[in-house]
Amino acid sequence: MRICNGCVADLKRIRNPIVIFASHGDNITPPHQALNWIPAIYPTTAALKAAGQRIVYLLNPHVGHLGIFVSASVARLEHRAILESLEDLETLKPGLYEMQISNPTNDPDCRRPQYTVAFEERQVEEIHFEYPGEEFEKVRQASERNEHLYSTYVSPWMRASANPSAKTTRC
């Protein structure tokens, strides 16, 4: 993936285990977006294993987009379980795994051994989420309309009012 001129990210060159924390309640980066890149890079489980990569995903049933990252109350058990399992990730054989947390206490503040973590082996070929094409098409059309309005009406005024010393270069 090209980031900018001279800057390329190759996901196949990552050698550390990759952990993906996604949620069905996330309407910005839902599971189909968070996981569908895997078969695009590694079309089969055999290809993933041959690359020596370990990918672990964890799916939350309800937390929203920001809750995955900043909510102290919603995803704290998952965050702790991921962090406390980092050494376990290093020992996994190459492949795709779903991280499953069992918490019989239902206490998000519990500690091991009150909760357990298991890594269930999965197949890349099983990753399939329905692509919400109609919804994305609406977003694409709205984005193109907004871009056209901005470039036609706002951008010329911004360029005219900006002075050369205020300009910065971006990668």
N, C-alpha and C. Protein backbone atom coordinates (compact mmCIF):
# COMPACT_ATOMS: atom_id res chain seq x y z
N MET A 1 0.85 -1.15 0.00
CA MET A 1 0.00 0.00 0.00
C MET A 1 0.90 1.23 0.00
N ARG A 2 0.66 2.13 -0.93
CA ARG A 2 1.46 3.35 -1.02
C ARG A 2 0.90 4.38 -0.05
N ILE A 3 1.73 4.83 0.88
CA ILE A 3 1.35 5.85 1.84
C ILE A 3 1.51 7.22 1.19
N CYS A 4 2.68 7.46 0.60
CA CYS A 4 2.98 8.68 -0.14
C CYS A 4 4.20 8.38 -1.01
N ASN A 5 4.68 9.36 -1.75
CA ASN A 5 5.84 9.13 -2.61
C ASN A 5 7.02 8.63 -1.78
N GLY A 6 7.55 7.47 -2.18
CA GLY A 6 8.70 6.91 -1.51
C GLY A 6 8.39 6.21 -0.20
N CYS A 7 7.13 6.10 0.17
CA CYS A 7 6.75 5.48 1.45
C CYS A 7 5.69 4.41 1.17
N VAL A 8 6.11 3.15 1.31
CA VAL A 8 5.22 2.03 1.02
C VAL A 8 5.12 1.13 2.24
N ALA A 9 3.92 0.70 2.56
CA ALA A 9 3.71 -0.25 3.65
C ALA A 9 3.35 -1.59 3.03
N ASP A 10 4.10 -2.61 3.37
CA ASP A 10 3.85 -3.95 2.87
C ASP A 10 3.44 -4.82 4.06
N LEU A 11 2.15 -5.12 4.15
CA LEU A 11 1.65 -5.87 5.29
C LEU A 11 2.26 -7.26 5.39
N LYS A 12 2.75 -7.80 4.27
CA LYS A 12 3.38 -9.12 4.29
C LYS A 12 4.76 -9.10 4.97
N ARG A 13 5.32 -7.92 5.16
CA ARG A 13 6.64 -7.83 5.79
C ARG A 13 6.57 -7.72 7.31
N ILE A 14 5.39 -7.59 7.86
CA ILE A 14 5.24 -7.53 9.31
C ILE A 14 5.53 -8.91 9.87
N ARG A 15 6.41 -9.00 10.84
CA ARG A 15 6.80 -10.28 11.39
C ARG A 15 6.23 -10.54 12.78
N ASN A 16 5.79 -9.51 13.46
CA ASN A 16 5.18 -9.70 14.78
C ASN A 16 3.73 -10.15 14.60
N PRO A 17 3.19 -10.82 15.61
CA PRO A 17 1.77 -11.18 15.52
C PRO A 17 0.91 -9.91 15.38
N ILE A 18 -0.15 -10.03 14.61
CA ILE A 18 -1.07 -8.92 14.41
C ILE A 18 -2.33 -9.22 15.20
N VAL A 19 -2.78 -8.25 16.01
CA VAL A 19 -4.00 -8.40 16.80
C VAL A 19 -5.02 -7.41 16.27
N ILE A 20 -6.21 -7.92 15.97
CA ILE A 20 -7.30 -7.08 15.46
C ILE A 20 -8.44 -7.15 16.46
N PHE A 21 -8.82 -6.01 17.00
CA PHE A 21 -9.94 -5.94 17.93
C PHE A 21 -11.05 -5.21 17.19
N ALA A 22 -12.11 -5.91 16.86
CA ALA A 22 -13.22 -5.34 16.11
C ALA A 22 -14.52 -5.57 16.87
N SER A 23 -15.57 -4.87 16.43
CA SER A 23 -16.85 -5.01 17.11
C SER A 23 -18.00 -4.93 16.12
N HIS A 24 -19.01 -5.73 16.38
CA HIS A 24 -20.22 -5.67 15.56
C HIS A 24 -20.99 -4.37 15.82
N GLY A 25 -20.71 -3.70 16.92
CA GLY A 25 -21.36 -2.42 17.23
C GLY A 25 -20.65 -1.23 16.62
N ASP A 26 -19.53 -1.46 15.94
CA ASP A 26 -18.74 -0.38 15.34
C ASP A 26 -19.29 -0.08 13.96
N ASN A 27 -19.86 1.10 13.79
CA ASN A 27 -20.41 1.46 12.49
C ASN A 27 -19.43 2.26 11.65
N ILE A 28 -18.22 2.47 12.13
CA ILE A 28 -17.20 3.16 11.35
C ILE A 28 -16.22 2.15 10.74
N THR A 29 -15.75 1.22 11.54
CA THR A 29 -14.87 0.15 11.05
C THR A 29 -15.44 -1.18 11.54
N PRO A 30 -16.53 -1.63 10.93
CA PRO A 30 -17.14 -2.89 11.36
C PRO A 30 -16.25 -4.08 11.01
N PRO A 31 -16.57 -5.26 11.54
CA PRO A 31 -15.73 -6.44 11.32
C PRO A 31 -15.40 -6.72 9.86
N HIS A 32 -16.33 -6.48 8.95
CA HIS A 32 -16.01 -6.79 7.55
C HIS A 32 -14.89 -5.90 7.02
N GLN A 33 -14.76 -4.69 7.53
CA GLN A 33 -13.64 -3.85 7.13
C GLN A 33 -12.38 -4.21 7.90
N ALA A 34 -12.53 -4.51 9.17
CA ALA A 34 -11.38 -4.82 10.01
C ALA A 34 -10.73 -6.14 9.62
N LEU A 35 -11.50 -7.08 9.06
CA LEU A 35 -10.96 -8.41 8.77
C LEU A 35 -10.82 -8.73 7.29
N ASN A 36 -11.57 -8.09 6.42
CA ASN A 36 -11.55 -8.48 5.00
C ASN A 36 -10.21 -8.21 4.31
N TRP A 37 -9.32 -7.45 4.93
CA TRP A 37 -8.00 -7.25 4.32
C TRP A 37 -7.18 -8.53 4.38
N ILE A 38 -7.50 -9.40 5.34
CA ILE A 38 -6.69 -10.62 5.53
C ILE A 38 -6.71 -11.49 4.27
N PRO A 39 -7.89 -11.87 3.74
CA PRO A 39 -7.87 -12.69 2.52
C PRO A 39 -7.38 -11.92 1.29
N ALA A 40 -7.39 -10.60 1.35
CA ALA A 40 -6.83 -9.83 0.23
C ALA A 40 -5.30 -9.95 0.21
N ILE A 41 -4.69 -10.07 1.38
CA ILE A 41 -3.23 -10.19 1.48
C ILE A 41 -2.81 -11.66 1.46
N TYR A 42 -3.54 -12.47 2.20
CA TYR A 42 -3.26 -13.91 2.28
C TYR A 42 -4.52 -14.65 1.80
N PRO A 43 -4.60 -15.00 0.53
CA PRO A 43 -5.84 -15.58 -0.01
C PRO A 43 -6.25 -16.92 0.62
N THR A 44 -5.29 -17.63 1.21
CA THR A 44 -5.60 -18.92 1.83
C THR A 44 -4.89 -19.02 3.18
N THR A 45 -5.36 -19.94 3.98
CA THR A 45 -4.70 -20.22 5.25
C THR A 45 -3.28 -20.72 5.01
N ALA A 46 -3.11 -21.52 3.96
CA ALA A 46 -1.78 -22.04 3.63
C ALA A 46 -0.82 -20.89 3.31
N ALA A 47 -1.30 -19.87 2.60
CA ALA A 47 -0.45 -18.71 2.27
C ALA A 47 -0.06 -17.95 3.53
N LEU A 48 -0.99 -17.80 4.46
CA LEU A 48 -0.71 -17.12 5.72
C LEU A 48 0.34 -17.90 6.51
N LYS A 49 0.17 -19.20 6.59
CA LYS A 49 1.13 -20.03 7.32
C LYS A 49 2.49 -20.05 6.65
N ALA A 50 2.50 -20.10 5.31
CA ALA A 50 3.77 -20.11 4.58
C ALA A 50 4.53 -18.81 4.80
N ALA A 51 3.80 -17.71 5.02
CA ALA A 51 4.44 -16.42 5.29
C ALA A 51 4.95 -16.34 6.73
N GLY A 52 4.60 -17.33 7.55
CA GLY A 52 5.07 -17.35 8.93
C GLY A 52 4.34 -16.35 9.82
N GLN A 53 3.18 -15.89 9.40
CA GLN A 53 2.47 -14.84 10.15
C GLN A 53 1.41 -15.45 11.07
N ARG A 54 1.18 -14.73 12.17
CA ARG A 54 0.13 -15.06 13.13
C ARG A 54 -0.79 -13.86 13.22
N ILE A 55 -2.06 -14.08 12.93
CA ILE A 55 -3.06 -13.03 13.05
C ILE A 55 -4.13 -13.51 14.03
N VAL A 56 -4.39 -12.68 15.03
CA VAL A 56 -5.38 -12.99 16.05
C VAL A 56 -6.43 -11.90 16.01
N TYR A 57 -7.69 -12.30 15.97
CA TYR A 57 -8.76 -11.30 16.03
C TYR A 57 -9.68 -11.59 17.20
N LEU A 58 -10.27 -10.52 17.68
CA LEU A 58 -11.20 -10.58 18.80
C LEU A 58 -12.41 -9.75 18.39
N LEU A 59 -13.60 -10.33 18.49
CA LEU A 59 -14.83 -9.62 18.12
C LEU A 59 -15.66 -9.35 19.36
N ASN A 60 -15.99 -8.08 19.55
CA ASN A 60 -16.88 -7.68 20.62
C ASN A 60 -18.28 -7.59 20.02
N PRO A 61 -19.32 -8.01 20.74
CA PRO A 61 -20.65 -8.01 20.13
C PRO A 61 -21.33 -6.65 20.04
N HIS A 62 -20.90 -5.65 20.85
CA HIS A 62 -21.71 -4.43 20.89
C HIS A 62 -20.96 -3.10 20.99
N VAL A 63 -19.75 -3.06 21.45
CA VAL A 63 -19.08 -1.79 21.71
C VAL A 63 -18.93 -0.99 20.41
N GLY A 64 -19.06 0.32 20.52
CA GLY A 64 -18.94 1.19 19.35
C GLY A 64 -17.49 1.48 19.01
N HIS A 65 -17.29 2.26 17.95
CA HIS A 65 -15.96 2.53 17.42
C HIS A 65 -15.03 3.14 18.47
N LEU A 66 -15.45 4.21 19.09
CA LEU A 66 -14.58 4.85 20.08
C LEU A 66 -14.45 4.02 21.35
N GLY A 67 -15.49 3.27 21.68
CA GLY A 67 -15.45 2.44 22.88
C GLY A 67 -14.36 1.40 22.85
N ILE A 68 -14.01 0.93 21.66
CA ILE A 68 -12.93 -0.05 21.54
C ILE A 68 -11.62 0.54 22.05
N PHE A 69 -11.43 1.82 21.81
CA PHE A 69 -10.13 2.43 22.10
C PHE A 69 -10.10 3.27 23.35
N VAL A 70 -11.18 3.95 23.69
CA VAL A 70 -11.10 4.92 24.78
C VAL A 70 -12.04 4.67 25.95
N SER A 71 -12.96 3.74 25.81
CA SER A 71 -13.91 3.52 26.89
C SER A 71 -13.29 2.69 28.00
N ALA A 72 -13.15 3.28 29.15
CA ALA A 72 -12.57 2.56 30.28
C ALA A 72 -13.54 1.50 30.81
N SER A 73 -14.82 1.69 30.58
CA SER A 73 -15.77 0.76 31.17
C SER A 73 -16.21 -0.35 30.22
N VAL A 74 -16.17 -0.12 28.91
CA VAL A 74 -16.74 -1.08 27.98
C VAL A 74 -15.77 -2.18 27.60
N ALA A 75 -14.57 -1.84 27.24
CA ALA A 75 -13.65 -2.83 26.68
C ALA A 75 -12.46 -3.10 27.59
N ARG A 76 -12.56 -2.78 28.86
CA ARG A 76 -11.38 -2.93 29.73
C ARG A 76 -10.96 -4.38 29.90
N LEU A 77 -11.90 -5.30 29.95
CA LEU A 77 -11.52 -6.71 30.07
C LEU A 77 -10.77 -7.15 28.81
N GLU A 78 -11.27 -6.78 27.64
CA GLU A 78 -10.62 -7.16 26.40
C GLU A 78 -9.21 -6.58 26.31
N HIS A 79 -9.06 -5.32 26.67
CA HIS A 79 -7.73 -4.70 26.63
C HIS A 79 -6.76 -5.44 27.54
N ARG A 80 -7.20 -5.71 28.75
CA ARG A 80 -6.34 -6.41 29.71
C ARG A 80 -6.01 -7.81 29.20
N ALA A 81 -7.01 -8.51 28.67
CA ALA A 81 -6.78 -9.86 28.17
C ALA A 81 -5.78 -9.86 27.01
N ILE A 82 -5.89 -8.88 26.12
CA ILE A 82 -4.93 -8.79 25.01
C ILE A 82 -3.53 -8.55 25.56
N LEU A 83 -3.40 -7.56 26.42
CA LEU A 83 -2.07 -7.23 26.95
C LEU A 83 -1.47 -8.37 27.76
N GLU A 84 -2.31 -9.04 28.54
CA GLU A 84 -1.79 -10.15 29.36
C GLU A 84 -1.52 -11.40 28.53
N SER A 85 -1.94 -11.41 27.27
CA SER A 85 -1.74 -12.57 26.40
C SER A 85 -0.64 -12.37 25.37
N LEU A 86 0.08 -11.26 25.43
CA LEU A 86 1.09 -10.99 24.41
C LEU A 86 2.15 -12.08 24.33
N GLU A 87 2.57 -12.60 25.47
CA GLU A 87 3.56 -13.69 25.43
C GLU A 87 2.98 -14.94 24.78
N ASP A 88 1.70 -15.20 25.02
CA ASP A 88 1.04 -16.36 24.41
C ASP A 88 0.98 -16.21 22.88
N LEU A 89 0.78 -14.99 22.41
CA LEU A 89 0.72 -14.75 20.96
C LEU A 89 2.03 -15.13 20.29
N GLU A 90 3.12 -14.86 20.97
CA GLU A 90 4.44 -15.16 20.41
C GLU A 90 4.65 -16.66 20.24
N THR A 91 3.95 -17.47 21.03
CA THR A 91 4.15 -18.92 20.96
C THR A 91 3.22 -19.61 19.97
N LEU A 92 2.25 -18.88 19.44
CA LEU A 92 1.32 -19.49 18.48
C LEU A 92 2.05 -19.87 17.19
N LYS A 93 1.64 -20.96 16.61
CA LYS A 93 2.16 -21.33 15.29
C LYS A 93 1.57 -20.38 14.26
N PRO A 94 2.21 -20.18 13.12
CA PRO A 94 1.64 -19.32 12.10
C PRO A 94 0.22 -19.76 11.75
N GLY A 95 -0.66 -18.78 11.57
CA GLY A 95 -2.04 -19.06 11.22
C GLY A 95 -2.96 -17.96 11.68
N LEU A 96 -4.25 -18.22 11.54
CA LEU A 96 -5.30 -17.27 11.91
C LEU A 96 -6.03 -17.83 13.13
N TYR A 97 -6.23 -16.97 14.13
CA TYR A 97 -6.86 -17.38 15.38
C TYR A 97 -7.91 -16.37 15.81
N GLU A 98 -8.98 -16.89 16.41
CA GLU A 98 -9.94 -16.02 17.08
C GLU A 98 -9.67 -16.11 18.57
N MET A 99 -9.47 -14.96 19.18
CA MET A 99 -9.24 -14.91 20.62
C MET A 99 -10.60 -14.95 21.31
N GLN A 100 -10.77 -15.89 22.21
CA GLN A 100 -12.02 -16.03 22.94
C GLN A 100 -11.75 -15.84 24.42
N ILE A 101 -12.52 -14.95 25.03
CA ILE A 101 -12.38 -14.68 26.46
C ILE A 101 -13.59 -15.27 27.16
N SER A 102 -13.33 -16.09 28.16
CA SER A 102 -14.40 -16.66 28.98
C SER A 102 -14.33 -15.99 30.34
N ASN A 103 -15.43 -15.33 30.70
CA ASN A 103 -15.48 -14.62 31.98
C ASN A 103 -16.75 -15.02 32.72
N PRO A 104 -16.72 -16.14 33.43
CA PRO A 104 -17.92 -16.60 34.14
C PRO A 104 -18.40 -15.62 35.21
N THR A 105 -17.53 -14.75 35.71
CA THR A 105 -17.93 -13.82 36.76
C THR A 105 -18.71 -12.63 36.20
N ASN A 106 -18.58 -12.36 34.90
CA ASN A 106 -19.17 -11.17 34.27
C ASN A 106 -18.66 -9.88 34.88
N ASP A 107 -17.57 -9.95 35.60
CA ASP A 107 -16.95 -8.78 36.20
C ASP A 107 -15.86 -8.29 35.25
N PRO A 108 -16.03 -7.11 34.64
CA PRO A 108 -15.01 -6.63 33.71
C PRO A 108 -13.68 -6.29 34.38
N ASP A 109 -13.68 -6.22 35.70
CA ASP A 109 -12.45 -5.91 36.42
C ASP A 109 -11.76 -7.15 36.99
N CYS A 110 -12.30 -8.33 36.67
CA CYS A 110 -11.70 -9.55 37.21
C CYS A 110 -10.31 -9.76 36.63
N ARG A 111 -9.55 -10.57 37.29
CA ARG A 111 -8.18 -10.89 36.88
C ARG A 111 -8.06 -12.38 36.64
N ARG A 112 -7.02 -12.77 35.89
CA ARG A 112 -6.76 -14.19 35.76
C ARG A 112 -6.49 -14.77 37.14
N PRO A 113 -6.96 -15.89 37.45
CA PRO A 113 -7.60 -16.93 36.65
C PRO A 113 -9.12 -16.85 36.63
N GLN A 114 -9.70 -15.72 37.08
CA GLN A 114 -11.17 -15.61 37.03
C GLN A 114 -11.68 -15.59 35.58
N TYR A 115 -10.86 -15.15 34.65
CA TYR A 115 -11.22 -15.24 33.25
C TYR A 115 -10.13 -16.04 32.54
N THR A 116 -10.48 -16.64 31.43
CA THR A 116 -9.51 -17.40 30.65
C THR A 116 -9.54 -16.93 29.21
N VAL A 117 -8.44 -17.18 28.54
CA VAL A 117 -8.30 -16.82 27.13
C VAL A 117 -7.94 -18.07 26.35
N ALA A 118 -8.59 -18.24 25.22
CA ALA A 118 -8.28 -19.35 24.31
C ALA A 118 -8.11 -18.79 22.91
N PHE A 119 -7.26 -19.43 22.14
CA PHE A 119 -7.04 -19.03 20.75
C PHE A 119 -7.54 -20.16 19.86
N GLU A 120 -8.68 -19.93 19.24
CA GLU A 120 -9.30 -20.93 18.37
C GLU A 120 -8.80 -20.74 16.95
N GLU A 121 -8.21 -21.79 16.39
CA GLU A 121 -7.69 -21.69 15.03
C GLU A 121 -8.85 -21.52 14.04
N ARG A 122 -8.68 -20.61 13.11
CA ARG A 122 -9.67 -20.32 12.08
C ARG A 122 -9.03 -20.44 10.71
N GLN A 123 -9.84 -20.43 9.68
CA GLN A 123 -9.38 -20.52 8.30
C GLN A 123 -9.60 -19.18 7.61
N VAL A 124 -8.60 -18.71 6.87
CA VAL A 124 -8.75 -17.47 6.12
C VAL A 124 -9.94 -17.58 5.18
N GLU A 125 -10.13 -18.75 4.62
CA GLU A 125 -11.22 -18.95 3.66
C GLU A 125 -12.60 -18.77 4.30
N GLU A 126 -12.67 -18.81 5.63
CA GLU A 126 -13.94 -18.63 6.34
C GLU A 126 -14.28 -17.16 6.57
N ILE A 127 -13.31 -16.28 6.37
CA ILE A 127 -13.57 -14.86 6.59
C ILE A 127 -14.42 -14.35 5.44
N HIS A 128 -15.65 -14.12 5.76
CA HIS A 128 -16.54 -13.59 4.73
C HIS A 128 -17.64 -12.80 5.43
N PHE A 129 -17.68 -11.54 5.13
CA PHE A 129 -18.74 -10.69 5.62
C PHE A 129 -19.44 -10.09 4.42
N GLU A 130 -20.73 -9.99 4.50
CA GLU A 130 -21.47 -9.38 3.40
C GLU A 130 -21.02 -7.93 3.27
N TYR A 131 -20.75 -7.53 2.06
CA TYR A 131 -20.33 -6.16 1.79
C TYR A 131 -21.58 -5.31 1.65
N PRO A 132 -21.75 -4.29 2.49
CA PRO A 132 -22.95 -3.46 2.42
C PRO A 132 -22.85 -2.46 1.27
N GLY A 133 -22.87 -2.96 0.04
CA GLY A 133 -22.63 -2.15 -1.15
C GLY A 133 -23.55 -0.96 -1.28
N GLU A 134 -24.82 -1.13 -1.00
CA GLU A 134 -25.77 -0.03 -1.17
C GLU A 134 -25.43 1.13 -0.22
N GLU A 135 -25.13 0.79 1.04
CA GLU A 135 -24.79 1.84 2.00
C GLU A 135 -23.49 2.55 1.62
N PHE A 136 -22.48 1.77 1.19
CA PHE A 136 -21.22 2.39 0.81
C PHE A 136 -21.37 3.23 -0.45
N GLU A 137 -22.24 2.84 -1.34
CA GLU A 137 -22.47 3.63 -2.55
C GLU A 137 -23.08 4.98 -2.19
N LYS A 138 -23.99 5.00 -1.24
CA LYS A 138 -24.57 6.27 -0.78
C LYS A 138 -23.49 7.17 -0.18
N VAL A 139 -22.62 6.58 0.62
CA VAL A 139 -21.53 7.35 1.24
C VAL A 139 -20.59 7.87 0.17
N ARG A 140 -20.26 7.03 -0.82
CA ARG A 140 -19.37 7.46 -1.91
C ARG A 140 -19.98 8.64 -2.66
N GLN A 141 -21.27 8.57 -2.98
CA GLN A 141 -21.92 9.65 -3.70
C GLN A 141 -21.94 10.94 -2.88
N ALA A 142 -22.26 10.83 -1.59
CA ALA A 142 -22.26 12.02 -0.73
C ALA A 142 -20.86 12.61 -0.63
N SER A 143 -19.86 11.75 -0.51
CA SER A 143 -18.48 12.22 -0.43
C SER A 143 -18.06 12.94 -1.71
N GLU A 144 -18.42 12.40 -2.84
CA GLU A 144 -18.08 13.05 -4.11
C GLU A 144 -18.79 14.39 -4.26
N ARG A 145 -20.07 14.47 -3.83
CA ARG A 145 -20.79 15.76 -3.87
C ARG A 145 -20.11 16.78 -2.97
N ASN A 146 -19.75 16.35 -1.75
CA ASN A 146 -19.09 17.27 -0.82
C ASN A 146 -17.74 17.72 -1.35
N GLU A 147 -16.98 16.81 -1.94
CA GLU A 147 -15.69 17.17 -2.51
C GLU A 147 -15.86 18.17 -3.64
N HIS A 148 -16.85 17.96 -4.48
CA HIS A 148 -17.11 18.88 -5.60
C HIS A 148 -17.48 20.27 -5.06
N LEU A 149 -18.38 20.32 -4.07
CA LEU A 149 -18.76 21.60 -3.49
C LEU A 149 -17.56 22.30 -2.85
N TYR A 150 -16.76 21.54 -2.13
CA TYR A 150 -15.58 22.12 -1.47
C TYR A 150 -14.60 22.66 -2.52
N SER A 151 -14.28 21.83 -3.52
CA SER A 151 -13.29 22.27 -4.51
C SER A 151 -13.80 23.42 -5.36
N THR A 152 -15.11 23.52 -5.53
CA THR A 152 -15.67 24.60 -6.35
C THR A 152 -15.82 25.90 -5.57
N TYR A 153 -16.28 25.82 -4.33
CA TYR A 153 -16.63 27.04 -3.59
C TYR A 153 -15.69 27.39 -2.44
N VAL A 154 -15.17 26.43 -1.72
CA VAL A 154 -14.36 26.73 -0.54
C VAL A 154 -12.88 26.79 -0.88
N SER A 155 -12.39 25.82 -1.61
CA SER A 155 -10.96 25.73 -1.90
C SER A 155 -10.40 26.98 -2.59
N PRO A 156 -11.09 27.54 -3.60
CA PRO A 156 -10.53 28.75 -4.22
C PRO A 156 -10.35 29.90 -3.22
N TRP A 157 -11.28 30.06 -2.30
CA TRP A 157 -11.16 31.10 -1.29
C TRP A 157 -10.02 30.80 -0.32
N MET A 158 -9.85 29.55 0.04
CA MET A 158 -8.76 29.18 0.93
C MET A 158 -7.41 29.43 0.27
N ARG A 159 -7.27 29.04 -1.01
CA ARG A 159 -6.01 29.27 -1.72
C ARG A 159 -5.72 30.76 -1.86
N ALA A 160 -6.75 31.54 -2.14
CA ALA A 160 -6.56 32.99 -2.31
C ALA A 160 -6.17 33.67 -1.01
N SER A 161 -6.65 33.14 0.13
CA SER A 161 -6.38 33.81 1.40
C SER A 161 -5.11 33.30 2.08
N ALA A 162 -4.55 32.20 1.62
CA ALA A 162 -3.35 31.65 2.24
C ALA A 162 -2.12 32.38 1.73
N ASN A 163 -1.19 32.67 2.63
CA ASN A 163 0.06 33.29 2.18
C ASN A 163 1.13 32.22 2.04
N PRO A 164 2.13 32.43 1.21
CA PRO A 164 3.15 31.40 0.94
C PRO A 164 3.89 30.92 2.19
N SER A 165 4.11 31.78 3.16
CA SER A 165 4.86 31.36 4.34
C SER A 165 4.04 30.45 5.26
N ALA A 166 2.74 30.42 5.09
CA ALA A 166 1.89 29.56 5.92
C ALA A 166 1.75 28.16 5.34
N LYS A 167 2.20 27.96 4.12
CA LYS A 167 2.05 26.65 3.49
C LYS A 167 3.04 25.66 4.06
N THR A 168 2.61 24.43 4.19
CA THR A 168 3.48 23.34 4.64
C THR A 168 3.43 22.23 3.65
N THR A 169 4.45 21.41 3.66
CA THR A 169 4.42 20.24 2.78
C THR A 169 3.95 19.05 3.57
N ARG A 170 3.29 18.15 2.87
CA ARG A 170 2.76 16.95 3.53
C ARG A 170 3.30 15.73 2.81
N CYS A 171 3.46 14.66 3.57
CA CYS A 171 3.82 13.36 3.00
C CYS A 171 2.54 12.67 2.65
